[in-house]
Each structure stands twice: as C-alpha cells, then as structure tokens.
Amino acid sequence: MHQYKTRGTCATEIRFGLQNGKLHSVSFEGGCEGNLKALSILAEGMDAKELVAKLKGLRCGRRTTSCADQLANGIEQVIEQSK
C-alpha cells in the first residue's frame, strides 16, 4: 500500500495499492467525502497510466490542483520509483 501526502487540497493524504499496473484500495483522508468515495470506486481496477492521463492537471475551483490531480501525482511518483 502506498501513501501520498497531498499539497494544496482539502484531502491531506491518499492511500492506494498498485499491482500489475492496476489501482486498488484507493482512499482519501479528508476532502469532499462523497466525491472522493466516487473517485475511489471509479479508480478501482483501472490501469494506473490511463488514470494519470485522465486526471493529471484537473483543478478544483481557483486552486492550481485538485484531489484527482494529486492522485495522479501520487501514482506517477510510485511508477517513477519502481523503475
């Protein structure tokens, strides 16, 4: 299980598993509970690189990032570290 400390969002941490390039057990600490539960359910079993491509750069209001963007950043970090 991986943990990623977020920056610039209401959620403070994201936890997720990455196995054979697929995401599982995505969960957020803090943030908009309903939206983040939905994001976690939708991300389950998805190809990690495909999810990054879809979520990278999404913004929340006037912020320069979002919880979805932070998830993409966390996934990218894990992928890079595993090379």
PDB file of N, CA and C in Angstrom:
ATOM      1  N   MET A   1       0.845  -1.173   0.000  1.00  0.00           N
ATOM      2  CA  MET A   1       0.000   0.000   0.000  1.00  0.00           C
ATOM      3  C   MET A   1       0.895   1.242   0.000  1.00  0.00           C
ATOM      4  N   HIS A   2       0.545   2.207  -0.824  1.00  0.00           N
ATOM      5  CA  HIS A   2       1.323   3.434  -0.946  1.00  0.00           C
ATOM      6  C   HIS A   2       0.563   4.580  -0.283  1.00  0.00           C
ATOM      7  N   GLN A   3       1.315   5.534   0.256  1.00  0.00           N
ATOM      8  CA  GLN A   3       0.732   6.726   0.857  1.00  0.00           C
ATOM      9  C   GLN A   3       1.338   7.945   0.182  1.00  0.00           C
ATOM     10  N   TYR A   4       0.489   8.902  -0.125  1.00  0.00           N
ATOM     11  CA  TYR A   4       0.951  10.132  -0.766  1.00  0.00           C
ATOM     12  C   TYR A   4       0.372  11.313   0.000  1.00  0.00           C
ATOM     13  N   LYS A   5       1.245  12.169   0.508  1.00  0.00           N
ATOM     14  CA  LYS A   5       0.829  13.394   1.205  1.00  0.00           C
ATOM     15  C   LYS A   5       0.500  14.444   0.151  1.00  0.00           C
ATOM     16  N   THR A   6      -0.721  14.917   0.164  1.00  0.00           N
ATOM     17  CA  THR A   6      -1.164  15.870  -0.849  1.00  0.00           C
ATOM     18  C   THR A   6      -0.663  17.277  -0.550  1.00  0.00           C
ATOM     19  N   ARG A   7      -0.717  18.110  -1.572  1.00  0.00           N
ATOM     20  CA  ARG A   7      -0.357  19.524  -1.443  1.00  0.00           C
ATOM     21  C   ARG A   7      -1.442  20.353  -2.110  1.00  0.00           C
ATOM     22  N   GLY A   8      -1.986  21.331  -1.393  1.00  0.00           N
ATOM     23  CA  GLY A   8      -2.937  22.262  -1.983  1.00  0.00           C
ATOM     24  C   GLY A   8      -4.366  21.781  -2.087  1.00  0.00           C
ATOM     25  N   THR A   9      -4.719  20.723  -1.346  1.00  0.00           N
ATOM     26  CA  THR A   9      -6.094  20.217  -1.381  1.00  0.00           C
ATOM     27  C   THR A   9      -6.632  20.030   0.030  1.00  0.00           C
ATOM     28  N   CYS A  10      -7.944  19.869   0.117  1.00  0.00           N
ATOM     29  CA  CYS A  10      -8.583  19.599   1.407  1.00  0.00           C
ATOM     30  C   CYS A  10      -8.208  18.210   1.916  1.00  0.00           C
ATOM     31  N   ALA A  11      -8.102  17.251   1.015  1.00  0.00           N
ATOM     32  CA  ALA A  11      -7.626  15.923   1.406  1.00  0.00           C
ATOM     33  C   ALA A  11      -6.145  16.053   1.763  1.00  0.00           C
ATOM     34  N   THR A  12      -5.736  15.377   2.817  1.00  0.00           N
ATOM     35  CA  THR A  12      -4.352  15.513   3.282  1.00  0.00           C
ATOM     36  C   THR A  12      -3.474  14.335   2.900  1.00  0.00           C
ATOM     37  N   GLU A  13      -4.097  13.209   2.579  1.00  0.00           N
ATOM     38  CA  GLU A  13      -3.333  12.016   2.232  1.00  0.00           C
ATOM     39  C   GLU A  13      -4.171  11.105   1.344  1.00  0.00           C
ATOM     40  N   ILE A  14      -3.484  10.424   0.434  1.00  0.00           N
ATOM     41  CA  ILE A  14      -4.134   9.431  -0.419  1.00  0.00           C
ATOM     42  C   ILE A  14      -3.402   8.116  -0.234  1.00  0.00           C
ATOM     43  N   ARG A  15      -4.169   7.048  -0.060  1.00  0.00           N
ATOM     44  CA  ARG A  15      -3.593   5.705   0.047  1.00  0.00           C
ATOM     45  C   ARG A  15      -4.125   4.877  -1.125  1.00  0.00           C
ATOM     46  N   PHE A  16      -3.239   4.080  -1.706  1.00  0.00           N
ATOM     47  CA  PHE A  16      -3.660   3.238  -2.830  1.00  0.00           C
ATOM     48  C   PHE A  16      -2.681   2.095  -3.014  1.00  0.00           C
ATOM     49  N   GLY A  17      -3.205   1.031  -3.607  1.00  0.00           N
ATOM     50  CA  GLY A  17      -2.372  -0.094  -3.985  1.00  0.00           C
ATOM     51  C   GLY A  17      -2.175  -0.072  -5.490  1.00  0.00           C
ATOM     52  N   LEU A  18      -1.054  -0.598  -5.922  1.00  0.00           N
ATOM     53  CA  LEU A  18      -0.747  -0.673  -7.344  1.00  0.00           C
ATOM     54  C   LEU A  18      -0.172  -2.052  -7.596  1.00  0.00           C
ATOM     55  N   GLN A  19      -0.913  -2.846  -8.362  1.00  0.00           N
ATOM     56  CA  GLN A  19      -0.492  -4.216  -8.617  1.00  0.00           C
ATOM     57  C   GLN A  19      -0.681  -4.526 -10.096  1.00  0.00           C
ATOM     58  N   ASN A  20       0.392  -4.954 -10.744  1.00  0.00           N
ATOM     59  CA  ASN A  20       0.369  -5.252 -12.174  1.00  0.00           C
ATOM     60  C   ASN A  20      -0.181  -4.081 -12.984  1.00  0.00           C
ATOM     61  N   GLY A  21       0.174  -2.862 -12.577  1.00  0.00           N
ATOM     62  CA  GLY A  21      -0.243  -1.667 -13.306  1.00  0.00           C
ATOM     63  C   GLY A  21      -1.665  -1.223 -13.064  1.00  0.00           C
ATOM     64  N   LYS A  22      -2.376  -1.909 -12.156  1.00  0.00           N
ATOM     65  CA  LYS A  22      -3.776  -1.587 -11.867  1.00  0.00           C
ATOM     66  C   LYS A  22      -3.910  -1.032 -10.452  1.00  0.00           C
ATOM     67  N   LEU A  23      -4.824  -0.094 -10.281  1.00  0.00           N
ATOM     68  CA  LEU A  23      -5.067   0.513  -8.968  1.00  0.00           C
ATOM     69  C   LEU A  23      -6.068  -0.293  -8.156  1.00  0.00           C
ATOM     70  N   HIS A  24      -5.864  -0.285  -6.855  1.00  0.00           N
ATOM     71  CA  HIS A  24      -6.844  -0.882  -5.957  1.00  0.00           C
ATOM     72  C   HIS A  24      -6.778  -0.214  -4.595  1.00  0.00           C
ATOM     73  N   SER A  25      -7.857  -0.314  -3.859  1.00  0.00           N
ATOM     74  CA  SER A  25      -7.963   0.205  -2.490  1.00  0.00           C
ATOM     75  C   SER A  25      -7.593   1.683  -2.374  1.00  0.00           C
ATOM     76  N   VAL A  26      -8.109   2.510  -3.268  1.00  0.00           N
ATOM     77  CA  VAL A  26      -7.844   3.953  -3.222  1.00  0.00           C
ATOM     78  C   VAL A  26      -8.698   4.573  -2.123  1.00  0.00           C
ATOM     79  N   SER A  27      -8.066   5.361  -1.263  1.00  0.00           N
ATOM     80  CA  SER A  27      -8.812   6.064  -0.214  1.00  0.00           C
ATOM     81  C   SER A  27      -8.147   7.404   0.074  1.00  0.00           C
ATOM     82  N   PHE A  28      -8.965   8.350   0.502  1.00  0.00           N
ATOM     83  CA  PHE A  28      -8.517   9.708   0.784  1.00  0.00           C
ATOM     84  C   PHE A  28      -8.762  10.028   2.250  1.00  0.00           C
ATOM     85  N   GLU A  29      -7.862  10.789   2.831  1.00  0.00           N
ATOM     86  CA  GLU A  29      -8.032  11.304   4.196  1.00  0.00           C
ATOM     87  C   GLU A  29      -8.450  12.761   4.060  1.00  0.00           C
ATOM     88  N   GLY A  30      -9.654  13.071   4.533  1.00  0.00           N
ATOM     89  CA  GLY A  30     -10.175  14.431   4.411  1.00  0.00           C
ATOM     90  C   GLY A  30     -10.784  14.648   3.033  1.00  0.00           C
ATOM     91  N   GLY A  31     -11.115  15.892   2.745  1.00  0.00           N
ATOM     92  CA  GLY A  31     -11.673  16.234   1.441  1.00  0.00           C
ATOM     93  C   GLY A  31     -13.176  16.055   1.373  1.00  0.00           C
ATOM     94  N   CYS A  32     -13.720  16.160   0.182  1.00  0.00           N
ATOM     95  CA  CYS A  32     -15.160  16.045  -0.073  1.00  0.00           C
ATOM     96  C   CYS A  32     -15.543  14.570  -0.106  1.00  0.00           C
ATOM     97  N   GLU A  33     -16.088  14.087   0.965  1.00  0.00           N
ATOM     98  CA  GLU A  33     -16.300  12.648   1.158  1.00  0.00           C
ATOM     99  C   GLU A  33     -17.025  11.966   0.003  1.00  0.00           C
ATOM    100  N   GLY A  34     -18.146  12.493  -0.411  1.00  0.00           N
ATOM    101  CA  GLY A  34     -18.918  11.841  -1.480  1.00  0.00           C
ATOM    102  C   GLY A  34     -18.157  11.769  -2.790  1.00  0.00           C
ATOM    103  N   ASN A  35     -17.573  12.892  -3.202  1.00  0.00           N
ATOM    104  CA  ASN A  35     -16.830  12.919  -4.462  1.00  0.00           C
ATOM    105  C   ASN A  35     -15.627  11.989  -4.420  1.00  0.00           C
ATOM    106  N   LEU A  36     -14.930  11.965  -3.292  1.00  0.00           N
ATOM    107  CA  LEU A  36     -13.726  11.146  -3.217  1.00  0.00           C
ATOM    108  C   LEU A  36     -14.049   9.661  -3.085  1.00  0.00           C
ATOM    109  N   LYS A  37     -15.177   9.330  -2.474  1.00  0.00           N
ATOM    110  CA  LYS A  37     -15.613   7.930  -2.474  1.00  0.00           C
ATOM    111  C   LYS A  37     -15.921   7.496  -3.898  1.00  0.00           C
ATOM    112  N   ALA A  38     -16.590   8.371  -4.657  1.00  0.00           N
ATOM    113  CA  ALA A  38     -16.915   8.054  -6.052  1.00  0.00           C
ATOM    114  C   ALA A  38     -15.637   7.887  -6.868  1.00  0.00           C
ATOM    115  N   LEU A  39     -14.678   8.787  -6.700  1.00  0.00           N
ATOM    116  CA  LEU A  39     -13.412   8.685  -7.420  1.00  0.00           C
ATOM    117  C   LEU A  39     -12.697   7.382  -7.079  1.00  0.00           C
ATOM    118  N   SER A  40     -12.722   7.005  -5.812  1.00  0.00           N
ATOM    119  CA  SER A  40     -12.085   5.763  -5.373  1.00  0.00           C
ATOM    120  C   SER A  40     -12.727   4.549  -6.026  1.00  0.00           C
ATOM    121  N   ILE A  41     -14.044   4.535  -6.104  1.00  0.00           N
ATOM    122  CA  ILE A  41     -14.767   3.419  -6.726  1.00  0.00           C
ATOM    123  C   ILE A  41     -14.462   3.355  -8.222  1.00  0.00           C
ATOM    124  N   LEU A  42     -14.470   4.500  -8.878  1.00  0.00           N
ATOM    125  CA  LEU A  42     -14.209   4.533 -10.316  1.00  0.00           C
ATOM    126  C   LEU A  42     -12.767   4.140 -10.648  1.00  0.00           C
ATOM    127  N   ALA A  43     -11.834   4.459  -9.765  1.00  0.00           N
ATOM    128  CA  ALA A  43     -10.417   4.150  -9.998  1.00  0.00           C
ATOM    129  C   ALA A  43     -10.103   2.676  -9.787  1.00  0.00           C
ATOM    130  N   GLU A  44     -10.911   1.977  -9.021  1.00  0.00           N
ATOM    131  CA  GLU A  44     -10.662   0.567  -8.691  1.00  0.00           C
ATOM    132  C   GLU A  44     -10.491  -0.280  -9.953  1.00  0.00           C
ATOM    133  N   GLY A  45      -9.335  -0.908 -10.068  1.00  0.00           N
ATOM    134  CA  GLY A  45      -9.055  -1.806 -11.174  1.00  0.00           C
ATOM    135  C   GLY A  45      -8.599  -1.133 -12.454  1.00  0.00           C
ATOM    136  N   MET A  46      -8.562   0.197 -12.470  1.00  0.00           N
ATOM    137  CA  MET A  46      -8.147   0.908 -13.683  1.00  0.00           C
ATOM    138  C   MET A  46      -6.645   0.807 -13.896  1.00  0.00           C
ATOM    139  N   ASP A  47      -6.247   0.906 -15.148  1.00  0.00           N
ATOM    140  CA  ASP A  47      -4.840   0.987 -15.489  1.00  0.00           C
ATOM    141  C   ASP A  47      -4.295   2.304 -14.942  1.00  0.00           C
ATOM    142  N   ALA A  48      -3.213   2.241 -14.181  1.00  0.00           N
ATOM    143  CA  ALA A  48      -2.673   3.412 -13.499  1.00  0.00           C
ATOM    144  C   ALA A  48      -2.268   4.511 -14.477  1.00  0.00           C
ATOM    145  N   LYS A  49      -1.605   4.151 -15.554  1.00  0.00           N
ATOM    146  CA  LYS A  49      -1.153   5.162 -16.519  1.00  0.00           C
ATOM    147  C   LYS A  49      -2.331   5.814 -17.230  1.00  0.00           C
ATOM    148  N   GLU A  50      -3.368   5.054 -17.501  1.00  0.00           N
ATOM    149  CA  GLU A  50      -4.572   5.603 -18.133  1.00  0.00           C
ATOM    150  C   GLU A  50      -5.257   6.599 -17.190  1.00  0.00           C
ATOM    151  N   LEU A  51      -5.313   6.251 -15.916  1.00  0.00           N
ATOM    152  CA  LEU A  51      -5.937   7.136 -14.936  1.00  0.00           C
ATOM    153  C   LEU A  51      -5.140   8.434 -14.804  1.00  0.00           C
ATOM    154  N   VAL A  52      -3.825   8.334 -14.782  1.00  0.00           N
ATOM    155  CA  VAL A  52      -2.982   9.531 -14.711  1.00  0.00           C
ATOM    156  C   VAL A  52      -3.285  10.444 -15.896  1.00  0.00           C
ATOM    157  N   ALA A  53      -3.362   9.876 -17.088  1.00  0.00           N
ATOM    158  CA  ALA A  53      -3.636  10.665 -18.293  1.00  0.00           C
ATOM    159  C   ALA A  53      -4.976  11.395 -18.199  1.00  0.00           C
ATOM    160  N   LYS A  54      -5.954  10.786 -17.561  1.00  0.00           N
ATOM    161  CA  LYS A  54      -7.273  11.394 -17.452  1.00  0.00           C
ATOM    162  C   LYS A  54      -7.359  12.446 -16.349  1.00  0.00           C
ATOM    163  N   LEU A  55      -6.621  12.258 -15.251  1.00  0.00           N
ATOM    164  CA  LEU A  55      -6.770  13.125 -14.080  1.00  0.00           C
ATOM    165  C   LEU A  55      -5.730  14.229 -13.967  1.00  0.00           C
ATOM    166  N   LYS A  56      -4.580  14.044 -14.597  1.00  0.00           N
ATOM    167  CA  LYS A  56      -3.468  14.986 -14.467  1.00  0.00           C
ATOM    168  C   LYS A  56      -3.885  16.377 -14.919  1.00  0.00           C
ATOM    169  N   GLY A  57      -3.650  17.363 -14.058  1.00  0.00           N
ATOM    170  CA  GLY A  57      -3.917  18.752 -14.397  1.00  0.00           C
ATOM    171  C   GLY A  57      -5.303  19.260 -14.048  1.00  0.00           C
ATOM    172  N   LEU A  58      -6.191  18.391 -13.553  1.00  0.00           N
ATOM    173  CA  LEU A  58      -7.522  18.858 -13.159  1.00  0.00           C
ATOM    174  C   LEU A  58      -7.395  19.814 -11.979  1.00  0.00           C
ATOM    175  N   ARG A  59      -8.196  20.864 -12.012  1.00  0.00           N
ATOM    176  CA  ARG A  59      -8.142  21.878 -10.956  1.00  0.00           C
ATOM    177  C   ARG A  59      -9.448  21.885 -10.176  1.00  0.00           C
ATOM    178  N   CYS A  60      -9.375  22.345  -8.951  1.00  0.00           N
ATOM    179  CA  CYS A  60     -10.549  22.498  -8.091  1.00  0.00           C
ATOM    180  C   CYS A  60     -10.761  23.995  -7.860  1.00  0.00           C
ATOM    181  N   GLY A  61     -11.783  24.544  -8.501  1.00  0.00           N
ATOM    182  CA  GLY A  61     -12.039  25.972  -8.361  1.00  0.00           C
ATOM    183  C   GLY A  61     -10.841  26.787  -8.816  1.00  0.00           C
ATOM    184  N   ARG A  62     -10.398  27.698  -7.958  1.00  0.00           N
ATOM    185  CA  ARG A  62      -9.264  28.569  -8.287  1.00  0.00           C
ATOM    186  C   ARG A  62      -7.922  27.952  -7.906  1.00  0.00           C
ATOM    187  N   ARG A  63      -7.967  26.803  -7.292  1.00  0.00           N
ATOM    188  CA  ARG A  63      -6.714  26.135  -6.891  1.00  0.00           C
ATOM    189  C   ARG A  63      -5.976  25.656  -8.142  1.00  0.00           C
ATOM    190  N   THR A  64      -4.685  25.470  -8.006  1.00  0.00           N
ATOM    191  CA  THR A  64      -3.883  25.006  -9.144  1.00  0.00           C
ATOM    192  C   THR A  64      -3.847  23.487  -9.231  1.00  0.00           C
ATOM    193  N   THR A  65      -4.544  22.820  -8.330  1.00  0.00           N
ATOM    194  CA  THR A  65      -4.574  21.360  -8.287  1.00  0.00           C
ATOM    195  C   THR A  65      -5.942  20.902  -7.797  1.00  0.00           C
ATOM    196  N   SER A  66      -6.114  19.614  -7.667  1.00  0.00           N
ATOM    197  CA  SER A  66      -7.345  19.026  -7.134  1.00  0.00           C
ATOM    198  C   SER A  66      -6.970  17.684  -6.503  1.00  0.00           C
ATOM    199  N   CYS A  67      -7.908  17.067  -5.820  1.00  0.00           N
ATOM    200  CA  CYS A  67      -7.648  15.742  -5.247  1.00  0.00           C
ATOM    201  C   CYS A  67      -7.368  14.732  -6.362  1.00  0.00           C
ATOM    202  N   ALA A  68      -8.073  14.857  -7.484  1.00  0.00           N
ATOM    203  CA  ALA A  68      -7.841  13.958  -8.618  1.00  0.00           C
ATOM    204  C   ALA A  68      -6.428  14.160  -9.176  1.00  0.00           C
ATOM    205  N   ASP A  69      -6.010  15.410  -9.331  1.00  0.00           N
ATOM    206  CA  ASP A  69      -4.665  15.726  -9.803  1.00  0.00           C
ATOM    207  C   ASP A  69      -3.618  15.196  -8.828  1.00  0.00           C
ATOM    208  N   GLN A  70      -3.881  15.321  -7.534  1.00  0.00           N
ATOM    209  CA  GLN A  70      -2.946  14.818  -6.525  1.00  0.00           C
ATOM    210  C   GLN A  70      -2.850  13.298  -6.579  1.00  0.00           C
ATOM    211  N   LEU A  71      -3.958  12.616  -6.849  1.00  0.00           N
ATOM    212  CA  LEU A  71      -3.914  11.165  -7.028  1.00  0.00           C
ATOM    213  C   LEU A  71      -3.018  10.827  -8.215  1.00  0.00           C
ATOM    214  N   ALA A  72      -3.184  11.557  -9.313  1.00  0.00           N
ATOM    215  CA  ALA A  72      -2.331  11.333 -10.484  1.00  0.00           C
ATOM    216  C   ALA A  72      -0.861  11.548 -10.136  1.00  0.00           C
ATOM    217  N   ASN A  73      -0.567  12.594  -9.376  1.00  0.00           N
ATOM    218  CA  ASN A  73       0.818  12.856  -8.962  1.00  0.00           C
ATOM    219  C   ASN A  73       1.369  11.717  -8.111  1.00  0.00           C
ATOM    220  N   GLY A  74       0.561  11.226  -7.183  1.00  0.00           N
ATOM    221  CA  GLY A  74       0.988  10.118  -6.328  1.00  0.00           C
ATOM    222  C   GLY A  74       1.264   8.854  -7.129  1.00  0.00           C
ATOM    223  N   ILE A  75       0.402   8.563  -8.081  1.00  0.00           N
ATOM    224  CA  ILE A  75       0.597   7.381  -8.923  1.00  0.00           C
ATOM    225  C   ILE A  75       1.876   7.531  -9.739  1.00  0.00           C
ATOM    226  N   GLU A  76       2.072   8.703 -10.331  1.00  0.00           N
ATOM    227  CA  GLU A  76       3.292   8.949 -11.111  1.00  0.00           C
ATOM    228  C   GLU A  76       4.546   8.759 -10.262  1.00  0.00           C
ATOM    229  N   GLN A  77       4.496   9.248  -9.046  1.00  0.00           N
ATOM    230  CA  GLN A  77       5.642   9.118  -8.142  1.00  0.00           C
ATOM    231  C   GLN A  77       5.973   7.642  -7.898  1.00  0.00           C
ATOM    232  N   VAL A  78       4.966   6.843  -7.635  1.00  0.00           N
ATOM    233  CA  VAL A  78       5.178   5.406  -7.387  1.00  0.00           C
ATOM    234  C   VAL A  78       5.718   4.720  -8.637  1.00  0.00           C
ATOM    235  N   ILE A  79       5.171   5.063  -9.801  1.00  0.00           N
ATOM    236  CA  ILE A  79       5.644   4.468 -11.051  1.00  0.00           C
ATOM    237  C   ILE A  79       7.115   4.812 -11.277  1.00  0.00           C
ATOM    238  N   GLU A  80       7.481   6.068 -11.064  1.00  0.00           N
ATOM    239  CA  GLU A  80       8.870   6.501 -11.244  1.00  0.00           C
ATOM    240  C   GLU A  80       9.814   5.791 -10.281  1.00  0.00           C
ATOM    241  N   GLN A  81       9.383   5.632  -9.033  1.00  0.00           N
ATOM    242  CA  GLN A  81      10.229   4.981  -8.023  1.00  0.00           C
ATOM    243  C   GLN A  81      10.410   3.514  -8.313  1.00  0.00           C
ATOM    244  N   SER A  82       9.468   2.917  -9.030  1.00  0.00           N
ATOM    245  CA  SER A  82       9.565   1.475  -9.291  1.00  0.00           C
ATOM    246  C   SER A  82      10.435   1.145 -10.505  1.00  0.00           C
ATOM    247  N   LYS A  83      10.891   2.185 -11.221  1.00  0.00           N
ATOM    248  CA  LYS A  83      11.741   1.955 -12.407  1.00  0.00           C
ATOM    249  C   LYS A  83      13.144   1.595 -12.013  1.00  0.00           C
TER     250      LYS A  83
END
